[in-house]
Amino acid sequence: MEQISKLEEALYNIQFEQHWLEAQTDRQAIINDAMSRRTIHKALFESAALVGASVLQVYLLRRLFERKLGMSRV
């Protein structure tokens, strides 16, 4: 009876730890999904910012050269 009691307690401890590990795995999956979404949004935002900065640079350079070409023709 004593051995059965010890085995029962050991089984309970194992089941408790297994449930705890499953819960921890679920929490980590939720965190990973959220971080993945944030990473994708950040990458899209950075890409849009780079494209915007490039467009602005092209616009400013064209304007600069148009002014220089206009002055040299006068």
PDB file of N, CA and C in Angstrom:
ATOM      1  N   MET A   1       0.828  -1.200   0.000  1.00  0.00           N
ATOM      2  CA  MET A   1       0.000   0.000   0.000  1.00  0.00           C
ATOM      3  C   MET A   1       0.868   1.258   0.000  1.00  0.00           C
ATOM      4  N   GLU A   2       1.970   1.149   0.748  1.00  0.00           N
ATOM      5  CA  GLU A   2       2.874   2.300   0.809  1.00  0.00           C
ATOM      6  C   GLU A   2       3.471   2.594  -0.564  1.00  0.00           C
ATOM      7  N   GLN A   3       3.865   1.542  -1.288  1.00  0.00           N
ATOM      8  CA  GLN A   3       4.429   1.708  -2.631  1.00  0.00           C
ATOM      9  C   GLN A   3       3.389   2.290  -3.591  1.00  0.00           C
ATOM     10  N   ILE A   4       2.171   1.837  -3.471  1.00  0.00           N
ATOM     11  CA  ILE A   4       1.101   2.369  -4.324  1.00  0.00           C
ATOM     12  C   ILE A   4       0.885   3.840  -4.028  1.00  0.00           C
ATOM     13  N   SER A   5       0.942   4.217  -2.773  1.00  0.00           N
ATOM     14  CA  SER A   5       0.780   5.615  -2.381  1.00  0.00           C
ATOM     15  C   SER A   5       1.907   6.471  -2.955  1.00  0.00           C
ATOM     16  N   LYS A   6       3.141   5.956  -2.884  1.00  0.00           N
ATOM     17  CA  LYS A   6       4.285   6.694  -3.443  1.00  0.00           C
ATOM     18  C   LYS A   6       4.160   6.824  -4.953  1.00  0.00           C
ATOM     19  N   LEU A   7       3.737   5.748  -5.606  1.00  0.00           N
ATOM     20  CA  LEU A   7       3.561   5.799  -7.061  1.00  0.00           C
ATOM     21  C   LEU A   7       2.449   6.772  -7.443  1.00  0.00           C
ATOM     22  N   GLU A   8       1.387   6.782  -6.649  1.00  0.00           N
ATOM     23  CA  GLU A   8       0.282   7.699  -6.914  1.00  0.00           C
ATOM     24  C   GLU A   8       0.736   9.156  -6.792  1.00  0.00           C
ATOM     25  N   GLU A   9       1.526   9.432  -5.772  1.00  0.00           N
ATOM     26  CA  GLU A   9       2.051  10.787  -5.578  1.00  0.00           C
ATOM     27  C   GLU A   9       2.996  11.169  -6.701  1.00  0.00           C
ATOM     28  N   ALA A  10       3.852  10.242  -7.103  1.00  0.00           N
ATOM     29  CA  ALA A  10       4.778  10.508  -8.204  1.00  0.00           C
ATOM     30  C   ALA A  10       4.012  10.762  -9.504  1.00  0.00           C
ATOM     31  N   LEU A  11       2.976   9.979  -9.753  1.00  0.00           N
ATOM     32  CA  LEU A  11       2.154  10.159 -10.949  1.00  0.00           C
ATOM     33  C   LEU A  11       1.463  11.518 -10.927  1.00  0.00           C
ATOM     34  N   TYR A  12       0.953  11.915  -9.765  1.00  0.00           N
ATOM     35  CA  TYR A  12       0.307  13.215  -9.634  1.00  0.00           C
ATOM     36  C   TYR A  12       1.306  14.334  -9.946  1.00  0.00           C
ATOM     37  N   ASN A  13       2.519  14.225  -9.416  1.00  0.00           N
ATOM     38  CA  ASN A  13       3.549  15.239  -9.664  1.00  0.00           C
ATOM     39  C   ASN A  13       3.897  15.316 -11.151  1.00  0.00           C
ATOM     40  N   ILE A  14       3.987  14.168 -11.783  1.00  0.00           N
ATOM     41  CA  ILE A  14       4.305  14.132 -13.215  1.00  0.00           C
ATOM     42  C   ILE A  14       3.181  14.775 -14.022  1.00  0.00           C
ATOM     43  N   GLN A  15       1.935  14.449 -13.684  1.00  0.00           N
ATOM     44  CA  GLN A  15       0.804  15.029 -14.399  1.00  0.00           C
ATOM     45  C   GLN A  15       0.727  16.539 -14.186  1.00  0.00           C
ATOM     46  N   PHE A  16       1.004  16.966 -12.948  1.00  0.00           N
ATOM     47  CA  PHE A  16       0.998  18.402 -12.662  1.00  0.00           C
ATOM     48  C   PHE A  16       2.052  19.112 -13.498  1.00  0.00           C
ATOM     49  N   GLU A  17       3.256  18.560 -13.557  1.00  0.00           N
ATOM     50  CA  GLU A  17       4.332  19.170 -14.335  1.00  0.00           C
ATOM     51  C   GLU A  17       4.006  19.160 -15.826  1.00  0.00           C
ATOM     52  N   GLN A  18       3.374  18.077 -16.290  1.00  0.00           N
ATOM     53  CA  GLN A  18       3.002  17.997 -17.698  1.00  0.00           C
ATOM     54  C   GLN A  18       1.988  19.084 -18.050  1.00  0.00           C
ATOM     55  N   HIS A  19       0.995  19.289 -17.207  1.00  0.00           N
ATOM     56  CA  HIS A  19       0.010  20.345 -17.450  1.00  0.00           C
ATOM     57  C   HIS A  19       0.662  21.723 -17.401  1.00  0.00           C
ATOM     58  N   TRP A  20       1.582  21.905 -16.478  1.00  0.00           N
ATOM     59  CA  TRP A  20       2.284  23.186 -16.370  1.00  0.00           C
ATOM     60  C   TRP A  20       3.102  23.441 -17.637  1.00  0.00           C
ATOM     61  N   LEU A  21       3.789  22.409 -18.132  1.00  0.00           N
ATOM     62  CA  LEU A  21       4.591  22.569 -19.349  1.00  0.00           C
ATOM     63  C   LEU A  21       3.705  22.852 -20.570  1.00  0.00           C
ATOM     64  N   GLU A  22       2.546  22.210 -20.639  1.00  0.00           N
ATOM     65  CA  GLU A  22       1.619  22.480 -21.742  1.00  0.00           C
ATOM     66  C   GLU A  22       1.124  23.919 -21.694  1.00  0.00           C
ATOM     67  N   ALA A  23       0.803  24.403 -20.514  1.00  0.00           N
ATOM     68  CA  ALA A  23       0.351  25.788 -20.362  1.00  0.00           C
ATOM     69  C   ALA A  23       1.468  26.758 -20.754  1.00  0.00           C
ATOM     70  N   GLN A  24       2.669  26.449 -20.349  1.00  0.00           N
ATOM     71  CA  GLN A  24       3.808  27.302 -20.679  1.00  0.00           C
ATOM     72  C   GLN A  24       4.044  27.302 -22.200  1.00  0.00           C
ATOM     73  N   THR A  25       3.910  26.153 -22.829  1.00  0.00           N
ATOM     74  CA  THR A  25       4.065  26.062 -24.283  1.00  0.00           C
ATOM     75  C   THR A  25       2.992  26.889 -24.991  1.00  0.00           C
ATOM     76  N   ASP A  26       1.768  26.831 -24.497  1.00  0.00           N
ATOM     77  CA  ASP A  26       0.690  27.638 -25.085  1.00  0.00           C
ATOM     78  C   ASP A  26       0.973  29.131 -24.946  1.00  0.00           C
ATOM     79  N   ARG A  27       1.454  29.555 -23.776  1.00  0.00           N
ATOM     80  CA  ARG A  27       1.793  30.965 -23.577  1.00  0.00           C
ATOM     81  C   ARG A  27       2.905  31.392 -24.528  1.00  0.00           C
ATOM     82  N   GLN A  28       3.918  30.556 -24.686  1.00  0.00           N
ATOM     83  CA  GLN A  28       5.016  30.880 -25.593  1.00  0.00           C
ATOM     84  C   GLN A  28       4.539  30.981 -27.035  1.00  0.00           C
ATOM     85  N   ALA A  29       3.606  30.126 -27.436  1.00  0.00           N
ATOM     86  CA  ALA A  29       3.064  30.184 -28.797  1.00  0.00           C
ATOM     87  C   ALA A  29       2.335  31.501 -29.022  1.00  0.00           C
ATOM     88  N   ILE A  30       1.568  31.936 -28.032  1.00  0.00           N
ATOM     89  CA  ILE A  30       0.853  33.211 -28.138  1.00  0.00           C
ATOM     90  C   ILE A  30       1.842  34.367 -28.249  1.00  0.00           C
ATOM     91  N   ILE A  31       2.869  34.338 -27.430  1.00  0.00           N
ATOM     92  CA  ILE A  31       3.884  35.398 -27.450  1.00  0.00           C
ATOM     93  C   ILE A  31       4.615  35.407 -28.789  1.00  0.00           C
ATOM     94  N   ASN A  32       4.966  34.231 -29.302  1.00  0.00           N
ATOM     95  CA  ASN A  32       5.663  34.151 -30.588  1.00  0.00           C
ATOM     96  C   ASN A  32       4.806  34.692 -31.720  1.00  0.00           C
ATOM     97  N   ASP A  33       3.518  34.381 -31.715  1.00  0.00           N
ATOM     98  CA  ASP A  33       2.619  34.896 -32.750  1.00  0.00           C
ATOM     99  C   ASP A  33       2.542  36.423 -32.689  1.00  0.00           C
ATOM    100  N   ALA A  34       2.420  36.953 -31.502  1.00  0.00           N
ATOM    101  CA  ALA A  34       2.333  38.404 -31.345  1.00  0.00           C
ATOM    102  C   ALA A  34       3.630  39.076 -31.800  1.00  0.00           C
ATOM    103  N   MET A  35       4.759  38.505 -31.430  1.00  0.00           N
ATOM    104  CA  MET A  35       6.037  39.087 -31.840  1.00  0.00           C
ATOM    105  C   MET A  35       6.223  38.986 -33.347  1.00  0.00           C
ATOM    106  N   SER A  36       5.765  37.900 -33.925  1.00  0.00           N
ATOM    107  CA  SER A  36       5.866  37.736 -35.375  1.00  0.00           C
ATOM    108  C   SER A  36       5.057  38.811 -36.087  1.00  0.00           C
ATOM    109  N   ARG A  37       3.855  39.051 -35.623  1.00  0.00           N
ATOM    110  CA  ARG A  37       3.018  40.095 -36.222  1.00  0.00           C
ATOM    111  C   ARG A  37       3.669  41.467 -36.084  1.00  0.00           C
ATOM    112  N   ARG A  38       4.192  41.750 -34.891  1.00  0.00           N
ATOM    113  CA  ARG A  38       4.844  43.042 -34.680  1.00  0.00           C
ATOM    114  C   ARG A  38       6.057  43.201 -35.577  1.00  0.00           C
ATOM    115  N   THR A  39       6.812  42.123 -35.742  1.00  0.00           N
ATOM    116  CA  THR A  39       7.999  42.175 -36.591  1.00  0.00           C
ATOM    117  C   THR A  39       7.615  42.449 -38.034  1.00  0.00           C
ATOM    118  N   ILE A  40       6.563  41.802 -38.507  1.00  0.00           N
ATOM    119  CA  ILE A  40       6.110  42.026 -39.879  1.00  0.00           C
ATOM    120  C   ILE A  40       5.635  43.468 -40.051  1.00  0.00           C
ATOM    121  N   HIS A  41       4.857  43.977 -39.095  1.00  0.00           N
ATOM    122  CA  HIS A  41       4.385  45.358 -39.185  1.00  0.00           C
ATOM    123  C   HIS A  41       5.553  46.344 -39.165  1.00  0.00           C
ATOM    124  N   LYS A  42       6.533  46.073 -38.328  1.00  0.00           N
ATOM    125  CA  LYS A  42       7.699  46.963 -38.262  1.00  0.00           C
ATOM    126  C   LYS A  42       8.455  46.939 -39.578  1.00  0.00           C
ATOM    127  N   ALA A  43       8.642  45.755 -40.167  1.00  0.00           N
ATOM    128  CA  ALA A  43       9.356  45.648 -41.440  1.00  0.00           C
ATOM    129  C   ALA A  43       8.599  46.382 -42.548  1.00  0.00           C
ATOM    130  N   LEU A  44       7.277  46.237 -42.581  1.00  0.00           N
ATOM    131  CA  LEU A  44       6.487  46.951 -43.587  1.00  0.00           C
ATOM    132  C   LEU A  44       6.592  48.460 -43.402  1.00  0.00           C
ATOM    133  N   PHE A  45       6.529  48.919 -42.166  1.00  0.00           N
ATOM    134  CA  PHE A  45       6.655  50.347 -41.886  1.00  0.00           C
ATOM    135  C   PHE A  45       8.020  50.867 -42.304  1.00  0.00           C
ATOM    136  N   GLU A  46       9.084  50.126 -41.978  1.00  0.00           N
ATOM    137  CA  GLU A  46      10.429  50.554 -42.358  1.00  0.00           C
ATOM    138  C   GLU A  46      10.588  50.584 -43.874  1.00  0.00           C
ATOM    139  N   SER A  47      10.017  49.606 -44.560  1.00  0.00           N
ATOM    140  CA  SER A  47      10.090  49.588 -46.026  1.00  0.00           C
ATOM    141  C   SER A  47       9.368  50.784 -46.615  1.00  0.00           C
ATOM    142  N   ALA A  48       8.197  51.087 -46.093  1.00  0.00           N
ATOM    143  CA  ALA A  48       7.448  52.247 -46.575  1.00  0.00           C
ATOM    144  C   ALA A  48       8.222  53.539 -46.311  1.00  0.00           C
ATOM    145  N   ALA A  49       8.858  53.629 -45.161  1.00  0.00           N
ATOM    146  CA  ALA A  49       9.646  54.817 -44.843  1.00  0.00           C
ATOM    147  C   ALA A  49      10.832  54.954 -45.796  1.00  0.00           C
ATOM    148  N   LEU A  50      11.485  53.845 -46.115  1.00  0.00           N
ATOM    149  CA  LEU A  50      12.610  53.900 -47.052  1.00  0.00           C
ATOM    150  C   LEU A  50      12.152  54.298 -48.453  1.00  0.00           C
ATOM    151  N   VAL A  51      11.032  53.757 -48.902  1.00  0.00           N
ATOM    152  CA  VAL A  51      10.504  54.127 -50.215  1.00  0.00           C
ATOM    153  C   VAL A  51      10.138  55.605 -50.215  1.00  0.00           C
ATOM    154  N   GLY A  52       9.501  56.072 -49.158  1.00  0.00           N
ATOM    155  CA  GLY A  52       9.148  57.486 -49.063  1.00  0.00           C
ATOM    156  C   GLY A  52      10.373  58.385 -49.078  1.00  0.00           C
ATOM    157  N   ALA A  53      11.411  58.003 -48.347  1.00  0.00           N
ATOM    158  CA  ALA A  53      12.639  58.799 -48.329  1.00  0.00           C
ATOM    159  C   ALA A  53      13.296  58.807 -49.708  1.00  0.00           C
ATOM    160  N   SER A  54      13.265  57.683 -50.398  1.00  0.00           N
ATOM    161  CA  SER A  54      13.836  57.618 -51.751  1.00  0.00           C
ATOM    162  C   SER A  54      13.078  58.509 -52.713  1.00  0.00           C
ATOM    163  N   VAL A  55      11.759  58.470 -52.642  1.00  0.00           N
ATOM    164  CA  VAL A  55      10.939  59.323 -53.514  1.00  0.00           C
ATOM    165  C   VAL A  55      11.232  60.792 -53.221  1.00  0.00           C
ATOM    166  N   LEU A  56      11.337  61.138 -51.965  1.00  0.00           N
ATOM    167  CA  LEU A  56      11.653  62.514 -51.584  1.00  0.00           C
ATOM    168  C   LEU A  56      13.021  62.926 -52.109  1.00  0.00           C
ATOM    169  N   GLN A  57      14.012  62.057 -52.025  1.00  0.00           N
ATOM    170  CA  GLN A  57      15.350  62.364 -52.529  1.00  0.00           C
ATOM    171  C   GLN A  57      15.325  62.594 -54.041  1.00  0.00           C
ATOM    172  N   VAL A  58      14.607  61.747 -54.770  1.00  0.00           N
ATOM    173  CA  VAL A  58      14.517  61.913 -56.226  1.00  0.00           C
ATOM    174  C   VAL A  58      13.867  63.253 -56.554  1.00  0.00           C
ATOM    175  N   TYR A  59      12.795  63.568 -55.854  1.00  0.00           N
ATOM    176  CA  TYR A  59      12.104  64.835 -56.085  1.00  0.00           C
ATOM    177  C   TYR A  59      13.034  66.020 -55.817  1.00  0.00           C
ATOM    178  N   LEU A  60      13.733  65.985 -54.684  1.00  0.00           N
ATOM    179  CA  LEU A  60      14.615  67.102 -54.338  1.00  0.00           C
ATOM    180  C   LEU A  60      15.784  67.215 -55.316  1.00  0.00           C
ATOM    181  N   LEU A  61      16.351  66.078 -55.750  1.00  0.00           N
ATOM    182  CA  LEU A  61      17.453  66.129 -56.711  1.00  0.00           C
ATOM    183  C   LEU A  61      16.987  66.682 -58.059  1.00  0.00           C
ATOM    184  N   ARG A  62      15.825  66.258 -58.526  1.00  0.00           N
ATOM    185  CA  ARG A  62      15.297  66.784 -59.788  1.00  0.00           C
ATOM    186  C   ARG A  62      15.089  68.291 -59.699  1.00  0.00           C
ATOM    187  N   ARG A  63      14.529  68.717 -58.589  1.00  0.00           N
ATOM    188  CA  ARG A  63      14.302  70.146 -58.390  1.00  0.00           C
ATOM    189  C   ARG A  63      15.611  70.913 -58.377  1.00  0.00           C
ATOM    190  N   LEU A  64      16.631  70.361 -57.722  1.00  0.00           N
ATOM    191  CA  LEU A  64      17.941  71.005 -57.661  1.00  0.00           C
ATOM    192  C   LEU A  64      18.546  71.133 -59.052  1.00  0.00           C
ATOM    193  N   PHE A  65      18.498  70.041 -59.831  1.00  0.00           N
ATOM    194  CA  PHE A  65      19.092  70.092 -61.167  1.00  0.00           C
ATOM    195  C   PHE A  65      18.281  70.970 -62.113  1.00  0.00           C
ATOM    196  N   GLU A  66      16.976  71.008 -61.957  1.00  0.00           N
ATOM    197  CA  GLU A  66      16.170  71.903 -62.778  1.00  0.00           C
ATOM    198  C   GLU A  66      16.546  73.349 -62.517  1.00  0.00           C
ATOM    199  N   ARG A  67      16.791  73.703 -61.285  1.00  0.00           N
ATOM    200  CA  ARG A  67      17.201  75.069 -60.947  1.00  0.00           C
ATOM    201  C   ARG A  67      18.570  75.373 -61.528  1.00  0.00           C
ATOM    202  N   LYS A  68      19.500  74.407 -61.394  1.00  0.00           N
ATOM    203  CA  LYS A  68      20.858  74.647 -61.913  1.00  0.00           C
ATOM    204  C   LYS A  68      20.836  74.767 -63.432  1.00  0.00           C
ATOM    205  N   LEU A  69      20.079  73.908 -64.112  1.00  0.00           N
ATOM    206  CA  LEU A  69      19.987  73.975 -65.568  1.00  0.00           C
ATOM    207  C   LEU A  69      19.300  75.260 -66.010  1.00  0.00           C
ATOM    208  N   GLY A  70      18.317  75.678 -65.279  1.00  0.00           N
ATOM    209  CA  GLY A  70      17.613  76.933 -65.594  1.00  0.00           C
ATOM    210  C   GLY A  70      18.525  78.138 -65.450  1.00  0.00           C
ATOM    211  N   MET A  71      19.393  78.139 -64.460  1.00  0.00           N
ATOM    212  CA  MET A  71      20.305  79.270 -64.226  1.00  0.00           C
ATOM    213  C   MET A  71      21.395  79.315 -65.276  1.00  0.00           C
ATOM    214  N   SER A  72      21.879  78.142 -65.731  1.00  0.00           N
ATOM    215  CA  SER A  72      22.978  78.136 -66.678  1.00  0.00           C
ATOM    216  C   SER A  72      22.514  78.552 -68.080  1.00  0.00           C
ATOM    217  N   ARG A  73      21.246  78.390 -68.385  1.00  0.00           N
ATOM    218  CA  ARG A  73      20.707  78.764 -69.693  1.00  0.00           C
ATOM    219  C   ARG A  73      20.474  80.276 -69.782  1.00  0.00           C
ATOM    220  N   VAL A  74      20.312  80.926 -68.655  1.00  0.00           N
ATOM    221  CA  VAL A  74      20.011  82.369 -68.648  1.00  0.00           C
ATOM    222  C   VAL A  74      21.195  83.182 -68.972  1.00  0.00           C
TER     223      VAL A  74
END
